[in-house]
Amino acid sequence: MAKANKSAHRVVADNRKARFNYEIKDSYEAGIALSGTEVKSLRTGKATIGEAYAGPMREELYLFNAYIPEYLQANRFNHEPKRPRKLLLHRREIDKLIGATQREGYTVVPLRIYFNDQGRAKVELGLGRGKKLHDKRETEKKRSWERDKARILREKG
């Protein structure tokens, strides 16, 4: 019974600015090829993906600039914190994402890293186009109005 109440996904790293800086069109779930010390380090929950992005390298999709800190108990068998990590997707999805980035000017941005219910590390990727400054202002105005509206309704109700 305790397992049923447990959340299916345990989020390790969240890229909250991605939805502010990019207009996300599609999202994909990808596996990530990690070494043993990277998995142990991810379980401590100290990874950051704020400056990370995904891009092609040798007909594959890799996650660049994601910071997974070294696992302190691993001594000499540790990993490099910002190494490129291979993303595990179907060939059709890889071709679609690479094509969108090269032809249509989209960017593949990691939205979050989490462990699924089987305990495997997954990355949620968003295919998005960068927002212009006026779009960001419009988003901020909308968010501010929603916050004010909720506050007004709370006060009256």
C-alpha atoms as a PDB file:
ATOM      1  CA  MET A   1       0.000   0.000   0.000  1.00  0.00           C
ATOM      2  CA  ALA A   2       2.882   2.361   0.669  1.00  0.00           C
ATOM      3  CA  LYS A   3       4.101   1.951  -2.921  1.00  0.00           C
ATOM      4  CA  ALA A   4       0.779   3.089  -4.378  1.00  0.00           C
ATOM      5  CA  ASN A   5       1.029   6.419  -2.546  1.00  0.00           C
ATOM      6  CA  LYS A   6       4.604   7.008  -3.691  1.00  0.00           C
ATOM      7  CA  SER A   7       5.103   9.368  -6.642  1.00  0.00           C
ATOM      8  CA  ALA A   8       5.881   7.718  -9.994  1.00  0.00           C
ATOM      9  CA  HIS A   9       8.593  10.250 -10.882  1.00  0.00           C
ATOM     10  CA  ARG A  10      11.266  11.566  -8.540  1.00  0.00           C
ATOM     11  CA  VAL A  11      12.536  14.802 -10.092  1.00  0.00           C
ATOM     12  CA  VAL A  12      16.282  15.294  -9.699  1.00  0.00           C
ATOM     13  CA  ALA A  13      16.859  18.486 -11.707  1.00  0.00           C
ATOM     14  CA  ASP A  14      14.348  20.961 -13.090  1.00  0.00           C
ATOM     15  CA  ASN A  15      14.953  23.646 -15.722  1.00  0.00           C
ATOM     16  CA  ARG A  16      12.324  26.189 -14.711  1.00  0.00           C
ATOM     17  CA  LYS A  17      13.663  28.988 -16.912  1.00  0.00           C
ATOM     18  CA  ALA A  18      13.271  26.875 -20.058  1.00  0.00           C
ATOM     19  CA  ARG A  19       9.538  27.555 -20.348  1.00  0.00           C
ATOM     20  CA  PHE A  20      10.194  31.261 -19.835  1.00  0.00           C
ATOM     21  CA  ASN A  21      12.994  31.513 -22.415  1.00  0.00           C
ATOM     22  CA  TYR A  22      11.556  29.088 -24.993  1.00  0.00           C
ATOM     23  CA  GLU A  23       8.166  28.460 -26.507  1.00  0.00           C
ATOM     24  CA  ILE A  24       7.966  24.667 -26.132  1.00  0.00           C
ATOM     25  CA  LYS A  25       6.257  22.973 -29.079  1.00  0.00           C
ATOM     26  CA  ASP A  26       6.766  19.262 -28.275  1.00  0.00           C
ATOM     27  CA  SER A  27       8.234  17.255 -25.436  1.00  0.00           C
ATOM     28  CA  TYR A  28       9.969  13.888 -25.542  1.00  0.00           C
ATOM     29  CA  GLU A  29      11.075  11.398 -22.906  1.00  0.00           C
ATOM     30  CA  ALA A  30      14.609  10.115 -23.428  1.00  0.00           C
ATOM     31  CA  GLY A  31      16.827   7.729 -21.567  1.00  0.00           C
ATOM     32  CA  ILE A  32      20.324   8.877 -20.703  1.00  0.00           C
ATOM     33  CA  ALA A  33      23.529   6.816 -20.812  1.00  0.00           C
ATOM     34  CA  LEU A  34      25.243   7.267 -17.443  1.00  0.00           C
ATOM     35  CA  SER A  35      28.141   5.709 -15.595  1.00  0.00           C
ATOM     36  CA  GLY A  36      27.612   4.186 -12.148  1.00  0.00           C
ATOM     37  CA  THR A  37      28.975   7.159 -10.225  1.00  0.00           C
ATOM     38  CA  GLU A  38      26.722   9.521 -12.194  1.00  0.00           C
ATOM     39  CA  VAL A  39      23.635   7.551 -11.181  1.00  0.00           C
ATOM     40  CA  LYS A  40      24.689   7.580  -7.527  1.00  0.00           C
ATOM     41  CA  SER A  41      25.354  11.309  -7.729  1.00  0.00           C
ATOM     42  CA  LEU A  42      21.954  11.920  -9.369  1.00  0.00           C
ATOM     43  CA  ARG A  43      20.239  10.071  -6.530  1.00  0.00           C
ATOM     44  CA  THR A  44      21.623  12.685  -4.117  1.00  0.00           C
ATOM     45  CA  GLY A  45      19.693  15.289  -6.168  1.00  0.00           C
ATOM     46  CA  LYS A  46      22.371  17.918  -6.775  1.00  0.00           C
ATOM     47  CA  ALA A  47      22.413  18.025 -10.611  1.00  0.00           C
ATOM     48  CA  THR A  48      21.749  21.237 -12.557  1.00  0.00           C
ATOM     49  CA  ILE A  49      20.535  21.592 -16.141  1.00  0.00           C
ATOM     50  CA  GLY A  50      20.047  25.359 -16.287  1.00  0.00           C
ATOM     51  CA  GLU A  51      22.597  25.903 -19.072  1.00  0.00           C
ATOM     52  CA  ALA A  52      22.209  22.472 -20.692  1.00  0.00           C
ATOM     53  CA  TYR A  53      21.097  21.771 -24.243  1.00  0.00           C
ATOM     54  CA  ALA A  54      20.863  18.759 -26.539  1.00  0.00           C
ATOM     55  CA  GLY A  55      22.506  18.570 -29.928  1.00  0.00           C
ATOM     56  CA  PRO A  56      23.734  16.187 -32.610  1.00  0.00           C
ATOM     57  CA  MET A  57      27.126  14.487 -32.583  1.00  0.00           C
ATOM     58  CA  ARG A  58      27.908  11.666 -35.061  1.00  0.00           C
ATOM     59  CA  GLU A  59      24.265  10.905 -35.973  1.00  0.00           C
ATOM     60  CA  GLU A  60      23.289  10.693 -32.292  1.00  0.00           C
ATOM     61  CA  LEU A  61      21.754  13.149 -29.835  1.00  0.00           C
ATOM     62  CA  TYR A  62      23.857  14.181 -26.836  1.00  0.00           C
ATOM     63  CA  LEU A  63      23.167  16.255 -23.738  1.00  0.00           C
ATOM     64  CA  PHE A  64      25.798  18.980 -23.384  1.00  0.00           C
ATOM     65  CA  ASN A  65      26.698  21.174 -20.415  1.00  0.00           C
ATOM     66  CA  ALA A  66      24.570  19.304 -17.849  1.00  0.00           C
ATOM     67  CA  TYR A  67      26.303  19.379 -14.478  1.00  0.00           C
ATOM     68  CA  ILE A  68      26.228  16.161 -12.459  1.00  0.00           C
ATOM     69  CA  PRO A  69      28.632  16.621  -9.524  1.00  0.00           C
ATOM     70  CA  GLU A  70      31.273  14.034  -8.702  1.00  0.00           C
ATOM     71  CA  TYR A  71      30.231  11.289  -6.307  1.00  0.00           C
ATOM     72  CA  LEU A  72      32.343  11.888  -3.209  1.00  0.00           C
ATOM     73  CA  GLN A  73      32.724   8.220  -2.199  1.00  0.00           C
ATOM     74  CA  ALA A  74      33.959   7.114  -5.649  1.00  0.00           C
ATOM     75  CA  ASN A  75      37.579   8.361  -5.302  1.00  0.00           C
ATOM     76  CA  ARG A  76      39.570   7.652  -8.502  1.00  0.00           C
ATOM     77  CA  PHE A  77      36.671   6.023 -10.415  1.00  0.00           C
ATOM     78  CA  ASN A  78      34.742   9.279 -10.608  1.00  0.00           C
ATOM     79  CA  HIS A  79      33.256  10.858 -13.728  1.00  0.00           C
ATOM     80  CA  GLU A  80      33.779  14.233 -15.374  1.00  0.00           C
ATOM     81  CA  PRO A  81      30.959  16.563 -14.157  1.00  0.00           C
ATOM     82  CA  LYS A  82      30.134  18.265 -17.491  1.00  0.00           C
ATOM     83  CA  ARG A  83      30.870  15.553 -20.040  1.00  0.00           C
ATOM     84  CA  PRO A  84      28.529  15.045 -23.042  1.00  0.00           C
ATOM     85  CA  ARG A  85      26.004  12.304 -22.314  1.00  0.00           C
ATOM     86  CA  LYS A  86      24.290  10.221 -24.966  1.00  0.00           C
ATOM     87  CA  LEU A  87      20.498  10.435 -25.089  1.00  0.00           C
ATOM     88  CA  LEU A  88      18.626   7.216 -25.821  1.00  0.00           C
ATOM     89  CA  LEU A  89      15.783   7.766 -28.283  1.00  0.00           C
ATOM     90  CA  HIS A  90      14.290   5.909 -31.229  1.00  0.00           C
ATOM     91  CA  ARG A  91      15.978   6.632 -34.571  1.00  0.00           C
ATOM     92  CA  ARG A  92      12.846   8.337 -35.918  1.00  0.00           C
ATOM     93  CA  GLU A  93      12.743  10.707 -32.915  1.00  0.00           C
ATOM     94  CA  ILE A  94      16.456  11.490 -33.257  1.00  0.00           C
ATOM     95  CA  ASP A  95      16.057  12.287 -36.955  1.00  0.00           C
ATOM     96  CA  LYS A  96      13.033  14.480 -36.250  1.00  0.00           C
ATOM     97  CA  LEU A  97      14.831  16.458 -33.513  1.00  0.00           C
ATOM     98  CA  ILE A  98      18.050  16.886 -35.504  1.00  0.00           C
ATOM     99  CA  GLY A  99      16.056  17.973 -38.567  1.00  0.00           C
ATOM    100  CA  ALA A 100      14.074  20.520 -36.556  1.00  0.00           C
ATOM    101  CA  THR A 101      17.234  22.053 -35.087  1.00  0.00           C
ATOM    102  CA  GLN A 102      19.074  22.263 -38.414  1.00  0.00           C
ATOM    103  CA  ARG A 103      16.262  23.298 -40.780  1.00  0.00           C
ATOM    104  CA  GLU A 104      13.623  25.083 -38.743  1.00  0.00           C
ATOM    105  CA  GLY A 105      15.710  26.878 -36.099  1.00  0.00           C
ATOM    106  CA  TYR A 106      14.393  25.015 -33.079  1.00  0.00           C
ATOM    107  CA  THR A 107      16.403  24.186 -29.957  1.00  0.00           C
ATOM    108  CA  VAL A 108      16.275  20.969 -27.945  1.00  0.00           C
ATOM    109  CA  VAL A 109      16.219  21.923 -24.268  1.00  0.00           C
ATOM    110  CA  PRO A 110      16.172  19.528 -21.295  1.00  0.00           C
ATOM    111  CA  LEU A 111      13.181  20.388 -19.096  1.00  0.00           C
ATOM    112  CA  ARG A 112      13.876  18.004 -16.209  1.00  0.00           C
ATOM    113  CA  ILE A 113      15.827  14.911 -15.178  1.00  0.00           C
ATOM    114  CA  TYR A 114      13.944  12.347 -13.113  1.00  0.00           C
ATOM    115  CA  PHE A 115      13.839   8.707 -12.099  1.00  0.00           C
ATOM    116  CA  ASN A 116      10.820   6.809 -13.429  1.00  0.00           C
ATOM    117  CA  ASP A 117       8.934   4.152 -11.477  1.00  0.00           C
ATOM    118  CA  GLN A 118      11.453   1.466 -12.554  1.00  0.00           C
ATOM    119  CA  GLY A 119      14.293   3.563 -11.125  1.00  0.00           C
ATOM    120  CA  ARG A 120      15.781   4.528 -14.502  1.00  0.00           C
ATOM    121  CA  ALA A 121      17.104   8.037 -15.111  1.00  0.00           C
ATOM    122  CA  LYS A 122      15.123   9.862 -17.798  1.00  0.00           C
ATOM    123  CA  VAL A 123      15.334  13.310 -19.385  1.00  0.00           C
ATOM    124  CA  GLU A 124      12.284  15.229 -20.536  1.00  0.00           C
ATOM    125  CA  LEU A 125      13.325  17.146 -23.662  1.00  0.00           C
ATOM    126  CA  GLY A 126      11.436  20.100 -25.050  1.00  0.00           C
ATOM    127  CA  LEU A 127      11.577  21.132 -28.694  1.00  0.00           C
ATOM    128  CA  GLY A 128      11.212  24.889 -28.606  1.00  0.00           C
ATOM    129  CA  ARG A 129      11.903  28.168 -30.290  1.00  0.00           C
ATOM    130  CA  GLY A 130      13.520  31.012 -28.374  1.00  0.00           C
ATOM    131  CA  LYS A 131      11.204  33.795 -27.249  1.00  0.00           C
ATOM    132  CA  LYS A 132      11.870  37.402 -28.121  1.00  0.00           C
ATOM    133  CA  LEU A 133      12.016  40.068 -25.410  1.00  0.00           C
ATOM    134  CA  HIS A 134       8.439  41.268 -26.038  1.00  0.00           C
ATOM    135  CA  ASP A 135       7.155  37.680 -25.765  1.00  0.00           C
ATOM    136  CA  LYS A 136       8.890  37.309 -22.398  1.00  0.00           C
ATOM    137  CA  ARG A 137       7.316  40.557 -21.203  1.00  0.00           C
ATOM    138  CA  GLU A 138       3.893  39.333 -22.318  1.00  0.00           C
ATOM    139  CA  THR A 139       4.408  36.061 -20.418  1.00  0.00           C
ATOM    140  CA  GLU A 140       5.435  37.988 -17.301  1.00  0.00           C
ATOM    141  CA  LYS A 141       2.355  40.253 -17.577  1.00  0.00           C
ATOM    142  CA  LYS A 142       0.065  37.257 -17.942  1.00  0.00           C
ATOM    143  CA  ARG A 143       1.649  35.492 -14.950  1.00  0.00           C
ATOM    144  CA  SER A 144       1.369  38.638 -12.844  1.00  0.00           C
ATOM    145  CA  TRP A 145      -2.286  39.098 -13.768  1.00  0.00           C
ATOM    146  CA  GLU A 146      -3.109  35.474 -12.896  1.00  0.00           C
ATOM    147  CA  ARG A 147      -1.432  35.925  -9.497  1.00  0.00           C
ATOM    148  CA  ASP A 148      -3.360  39.159  -8.820  1.00  0.00           C
ATOM    149  CA  LYS A 149      -6.626  37.613  -9.973  1.00  0.00           C
ATOM    150  CA  ALA A 150      -6.171  34.649  -7.617  1.00  0.00           C
ATOM    151  CA  ARG A 151      -5.365  36.998  -4.731  1.00  0.00           C
ATOM    152  CA  ILE A 152      -8.490  39.121  -5.406  1.00  0.00           C
ATOM    153  CA  LEU A 153     -10.718  36.037  -5.617  1.00  0.00           C
ATOM    154  CA  ARG A 154      -9.263  34.720  -2.334  1.00  0.00           C
ATOM    155  CA  GLU A 155      -9.972  38.030  -0.577  1.00  0.00           C
ATOM    156  CA  LYS A 156     -13.593  38.215  -1.821  1.00  0.00           C
ATOM    157  CA  GLY A 157     -14.443  34.541  -1.341  1.00  0.00           C
END
